[in-house]
Amino acid sequence: MLFTPLHDRVLVRRIEEDEKTSGGLIIPETAKEKPQRGEVVSVGAGAKDETGARILMDVKAGDQILFGKWSGTEIKIDGEELMIMKESDILGIMA
């Protein structure tokens, strides 16, 4: 993939959740909410502070993350649906 986000932005691939509930019921596609988990595909170099120094990113490619329900912008690159968001929209990194 030939895309690198700028500044403090992160490119994320959603991780799909299970299609069944714990009781074994199958959730139809129309009733599913979009997942709030994802894998970081690529990150920008980081924002700059007032002096021009780079602020390093806390996430890196390959990290599995949680993000807010309404975070980011959906985009399509090479036929794949991805999201681009600011690092501040990320709630945490999965261990």
N, C-alpha and C. Protein backbone atom coordinates (compact mmCIF):
# COMPACT_ATOMS: atom_id res chain seq x y z
N MET A 1 0.85 -1.17 0.00
CA MET A 1 0.00 0.00 0.00
C MET A 1 0.90 1.23 0.00
N LEU A 2 0.61 2.13 -0.89
CA LEU A 2 1.45 3.32 -1.02
C LEU A 2 0.73 4.54 -0.45
N PHE A 3 0.49 4.54 0.85
CA PHE A 3 -0.17 5.66 1.50
C PHE A 3 0.45 5.85 2.88
N THR A 4 0.87 7.07 3.16
CA THR A 4 1.40 7.42 4.47
C THR A 4 0.62 8.62 4.99
N PRO A 5 -0.02 8.50 6.14
CA PRO A 5 -0.75 9.63 6.71
C PRO A 5 0.21 10.76 7.09
N LEU A 6 -0.30 11.97 7.11
CA LEU A 6 0.50 13.12 7.49
C LEU A 6 0.33 13.45 8.97
N HIS A 7 1.34 14.07 9.54
CA HIS A 7 1.34 14.60 10.90
C HIS A 7 0.93 13.55 11.94
N ASP A 8 -0.15 13.81 12.70
CA ASP A 8 -0.54 12.89 13.77
C ASP A 8 -1.74 12.03 13.38
N ARG A 9 -1.83 11.69 12.10
CA ARG A 9 -2.93 10.85 11.64
C ARG A 9 -2.48 9.39 11.54
N VAL A 10 -3.49 8.49 11.63
CA VAL A 10 -3.24 7.05 11.66
C VAL A 10 -4.19 6.38 10.67
N LEU A 11 -3.69 5.44 9.90
CA LEU A 11 -4.51 4.65 8.98
C LEU A 11 -4.84 3.33 9.67
N VAL A 12 -6.16 3.00 9.76
CA VAL A 12 -6.61 1.86 10.55
C VAL A 12 -7.49 0.94 9.70
N ARG A 13 -7.29 -0.37 9.88
CA ARG A 13 -8.16 -1.40 9.29
C ARG A 13 -9.04 -1.94 10.41
N ARG A 14 -10.36 -1.89 10.21
CA ARG A 14 -11.28 -2.40 11.23
C ARG A 14 -11.12 -3.91 11.39
N ILE A 15 -11.28 -4.38 12.62
CA ILE A 15 -11.28 -5.82 12.91
C ILE A 15 -12.72 -6.20 13.16
N GLU A 16 -13.24 -7.09 12.32
CA GLU A 16 -14.64 -7.50 12.42
C GLU A 16 -14.88 -8.33 13.67
N GLU A 17 -16.02 -8.10 14.30
CA GLU A 17 -16.42 -8.82 15.50
C GLU A 17 -17.10 -10.14 15.10
N ASP A 18 -17.36 -11.00 16.09
CA ASP A 18 -18.05 -12.26 15.85
C ASP A 18 -19.46 -12.00 15.33
N GLU A 19 -19.96 -12.92 14.52
CA GLU A 19 -21.31 -12.79 13.97
C GLU A 19 -22.35 -13.48 14.85
N LYS A 20 -21.92 -14.06 15.97
CA LYS A 20 -22.84 -14.75 16.88
C LYS A 20 -22.75 -14.14 18.27
N THR A 21 -23.85 -14.18 18.99
CA THR A 21 -23.84 -13.76 20.38
C THR A 21 -23.29 -14.90 21.22
N SER A 22 -23.07 -14.65 22.51
CA SER A 22 -22.56 -15.71 23.39
C SER A 22 -23.57 -16.85 23.52
N GLY A 23 -24.86 -16.56 23.28
CA GLY A 23 -25.91 -17.59 23.34
C GLY A 23 -26.06 -18.36 22.05
N GLY A 24 -25.31 -18.00 21.01
CA GLY A 24 -25.35 -18.72 19.75
C GLY A 24 -26.25 -18.11 18.69
N LEU A 25 -26.89 -16.97 18.98
CA LEU A 25 -27.75 -16.32 17.99
C LEU A 25 -26.89 -15.63 16.94
N ILE A 26 -27.28 -15.75 15.70
CA ILE A 26 -26.56 -15.10 14.61
C ILE A 26 -27.10 -13.68 14.45
N ILE A 27 -26.18 -12.72 14.42
CA ILE A 27 -26.56 -11.32 14.28
C ILE A 27 -26.61 -10.98 12.79
N PRO A 28 -27.78 -10.51 12.28
CA PRO A 28 -27.85 -10.15 10.86
C PRO A 28 -27.00 -8.92 10.56
N GLU A 29 -26.55 -8.82 9.32
CA GLU A 29 -25.68 -7.73 8.88
C GLU A 29 -26.28 -6.36 9.16
N THR A 30 -27.60 -6.22 9.01
CA THR A 30 -28.25 -4.93 9.20
C THR A 30 -28.30 -4.51 10.66
N ALA A 31 -28.20 -5.44 11.60
CA ALA A 31 -28.29 -5.13 13.02
C ALA A 31 -26.93 -4.92 13.66
N LYS A 32 -25.86 -5.21 12.93
CA LYS A 32 -24.51 -5.09 13.49
C LYS A 32 -24.09 -3.63 13.55
N GLU A 33 -23.37 -3.31 14.61
CA GLU A 33 -22.72 -2.01 14.70
C GLU A 33 -21.31 -2.17 14.13
N LYS A 34 -20.77 -1.08 13.61
CA LYS A 34 -19.41 -1.16 13.09
C LYS A 34 -18.46 -1.36 14.26
N PRO A 35 -17.44 -2.20 14.06
CA PRO A 35 -16.51 -2.49 15.15
C PRO A 35 -15.72 -1.25 15.56
N GLN A 36 -15.35 -1.21 16.83
CA GLN A 36 -14.55 -0.12 17.36
C GLN A 36 -13.14 -0.59 17.66
N ARG A 37 -12.78 -1.75 17.10
CA ARG A 37 -11.42 -2.28 17.20
C ARG A 37 -10.79 -2.22 15.84
N GLY A 38 -9.49 -2.02 15.81
CA GLY A 38 -8.81 -1.98 14.54
C GLY A 38 -7.33 -2.27 14.68
N GLU A 39 -6.71 -2.43 13.52
CA GLU A 39 -5.27 -2.64 13.46
C GLU A 39 -4.66 -1.46 12.74
N VAL A 40 -3.62 -0.89 13.31
CA VAL A 40 -2.94 0.24 12.70
C VAL A 40 -2.16 -0.24 11.48
N VAL A 41 -2.45 0.36 10.32
CA VAL A 41 -1.77 0.00 9.08
C VAL A 41 -0.53 0.86 8.90
N SER A 42 -0.66 2.17 9.09
CA SER A 42 0.49 3.07 9.02
C SER A 42 0.22 4.33 9.82
N VAL A 43 1.28 5.01 10.20
CA VAL A 43 1.16 6.23 11.01
C VAL A 43 1.97 7.35 10.38
N GLY A 44 1.56 8.58 10.67
CA GLY A 44 2.31 9.74 10.22
C GLY A 44 3.55 9.94 11.09
N ALA A 45 4.31 10.97 10.78
CA ALA A 45 5.55 11.24 11.50
C ALA A 45 5.32 11.88 12.86
N GLY A 46 4.12 12.40 13.10
CA GLY A 46 3.81 13.06 14.36
C GLY A 46 3.62 14.56 14.15
N ALA A 47 2.86 15.16 15.05
CA ALA A 47 2.61 16.60 14.97
C ALA A 47 3.86 17.36 15.42
N LYS A 48 3.87 18.67 15.17
CA LYS A 48 4.97 19.52 15.64
C LYS A 48 4.45 20.45 16.74
N ASP A 49 5.31 20.70 17.72
CA ASP A 49 4.93 21.63 18.78
C ASP A 49 5.25 23.06 18.35
N GLU A 50 5.11 24.03 19.27
CA GLU A 50 5.30 25.44 18.94
C GLU A 50 6.72 25.77 18.48
N THR A 51 7.69 24.99 18.94
CA THR A 51 9.09 25.24 18.57
C THR A 51 9.48 24.53 17.27
N GLY A 52 8.59 23.71 16.74
CA GLY A 52 8.89 22.98 15.52
C GLY A 52 9.43 21.59 15.76
N ALA A 53 9.57 21.19 17.02
CA ALA A 53 10.07 19.84 17.33
C ALA A 53 8.95 18.83 17.12
N ARG A 54 9.30 17.66 16.63
CA ARG A 54 8.34 16.59 16.35
C ARG A 54 7.87 15.94 17.64
N ILE A 55 6.56 15.72 17.78
CA ILE A 55 5.99 14.98 18.91
C ILE A 55 5.82 13.54 18.42
N LEU A 56 6.53 12.61 19.04
CA LEU A 56 6.50 11.22 18.58
C LEU A 56 5.13 10.59 18.78
N MET A 57 4.78 9.66 17.91
CA MET A 57 3.51 8.94 17.98
C MET A 57 3.61 7.82 19.01
N ASP A 58 2.49 7.56 19.72
CA ASP A 58 2.45 6.48 20.71
C ASP A 58 2.07 5.14 20.09
N VAL A 59 1.48 5.15 18.89
CA VAL A 59 1.09 3.91 18.22
C VAL A 59 2.03 3.65 17.04
N LYS A 60 2.07 2.39 16.63
CA LYS A 60 2.91 2.02 15.49
C LYS A 60 2.14 1.01 14.63
N ALA A 61 2.58 0.80 13.43
CA ALA A 61 1.94 -0.16 12.53
C ALA A 61 1.91 -1.54 13.20
N GLY A 62 0.75 -2.21 13.12
CA GLY A 62 0.60 -3.53 13.70
C GLY A 62 -0.10 -3.52 15.05
N ASP A 63 -0.17 -2.37 15.73
CA ASP A 63 -0.87 -2.28 17.01
C ASP A 63 -2.36 -2.51 16.83
N GLN A 64 -2.98 -3.23 17.76
CA GLN A 64 -4.44 -3.36 17.78
C GLN A 64 -4.97 -2.33 18.76
N ILE A 65 -5.95 -1.54 18.30
CA ILE A 65 -6.41 -0.39 19.07
C ILE A 65 -7.92 -0.40 19.26
N LEU A 66 -8.37 0.41 20.21
CA LEU A 66 -9.78 0.72 20.39
C LEU A 66 -9.95 2.19 20.06
N PHE A 67 -11.03 2.53 19.36
CA PHE A 67 -11.27 3.93 19.02
C PHE A 67 -12.74 4.26 19.25
N GLY A 68 -13.06 5.54 19.31
CA GLY A 68 -14.41 6.00 19.57
C GLY A 68 -15.37 5.63 18.45
N LYS A 69 -16.65 5.55 18.80
CA LYS A 69 -17.69 5.13 17.87
C LYS A 69 -17.77 6.02 16.63
N TRP A 70 -17.61 7.31 16.79
CA TRP A 70 -17.75 8.24 15.67
C TRP A 70 -16.41 8.78 15.21
N SER A 71 -15.34 8.10 15.49
CA SER A 71 -13.99 8.56 15.15
C SER A 71 -13.65 8.31 13.70
N GLY A 72 -12.82 9.17 13.16
CA GLY A 72 -12.21 8.95 11.86
C GLY A 72 -13.10 9.18 10.66
N THR A 73 -12.48 9.04 9.51
CA THR A 73 -13.13 9.17 8.22
C THR A 73 -12.88 7.90 7.43
N GLU A 74 -13.95 7.32 6.89
CA GLU A 74 -13.81 6.10 6.11
C GLU A 74 -13.31 6.45 4.71
N ILE A 75 -12.31 5.70 4.25
CA ILE A 75 -11.77 5.88 2.91
C ILE A 75 -11.58 4.52 2.27
N LYS A 76 -11.39 4.51 0.96
CA LYS A 76 -11.15 3.26 0.24
C LYS A 76 -9.83 3.40 -0.51
N ILE A 77 -8.90 2.49 -0.23
CA ILE A 77 -7.60 2.48 -0.89
C ILE A 77 -7.38 1.10 -1.47
N ASP A 78 -7.11 1.01 -2.76
CA ASP A 78 -6.89 -0.26 -3.44
C ASP A 78 -8.05 -1.22 -3.21
N GLY A 79 -9.29 -0.71 -3.15
CA GLY A 79 -10.47 -1.53 -2.98
C GLY A 79 -10.73 -1.97 -1.55
N GLU A 80 -9.90 -1.57 -0.61
CA GLU A 80 -10.06 -1.96 0.79
C GLU A 80 -10.59 -0.77 1.59
N GLU A 81 -11.60 -1.03 2.43
CA GLU A 81 -12.16 0.03 3.26
C GLU A 81 -11.32 0.20 4.51
N LEU A 82 -10.80 1.40 4.69
CA LEU A 82 -9.96 1.73 5.83
C LEU A 82 -10.48 3.00 6.49
N MET A 83 -9.89 3.36 7.61
CA MET A 83 -10.24 4.60 8.29
C MET A 83 -8.97 5.40 8.54
N ILE A 84 -9.11 6.71 8.45
CA ILE A 84 -8.01 7.59 8.81
C ILE A 84 -8.51 8.47 9.95
N MET A 85 -7.70 8.57 11.00
CA MET A 85 -8.11 9.34 12.19
C MET A 85 -6.89 9.96 12.84
N LYS A 86 -7.14 10.93 13.69
CA LYS A 86 -6.07 11.53 14.46
C LYS A 86 -5.71 10.59 15.61
N GLU A 87 -4.47 10.66 16.04
CA GLU A 87 -4.03 9.80 17.14
C GLU A 87 -4.85 10.06 18.40
N SER A 88 -5.33 11.28 18.59
CA SER A 88 -6.12 11.61 19.78
C SER A 88 -7.48 10.93 19.80
N ASP A 89 -7.95 10.40 18.65
CA ASP A 89 -9.22 9.67 18.59
C ASP A 89 -9.07 8.23 19.10
N ILE A 90 -7.84 7.77 19.26
CA ILE A 90 -7.58 6.41 19.71
C ILE A 90 -7.72 6.37 21.24
N LEU A 91 -8.53 5.42 21.73
CA LEU A 91 -8.76 5.30 23.16
C LEU A 91 -7.69 4.51 23.88
N GLY A 92 -7.11 3.51 23.19
CA GLY A 92 -6.09 2.70 23.83
C GLY A 92 -5.56 1.63 22.91
N ILE A 93 -4.47 1.01 23.34
CA ILE A 93 -3.83 -0.08 22.61
C ILE A 93 -4.14 -1.38 23.33
N MET A 94 -4.61 -2.40 22.57
CA MET A 94 -4.91 -3.71 23.15
C MET A 94 -3.61 -4.44 23.48
N ALA A 95 -3.55 -5.05 24.63
CA ALA A 95 -2.33 -5.77 25.05
C ALA A 95 -2.29 -7.16 24.47
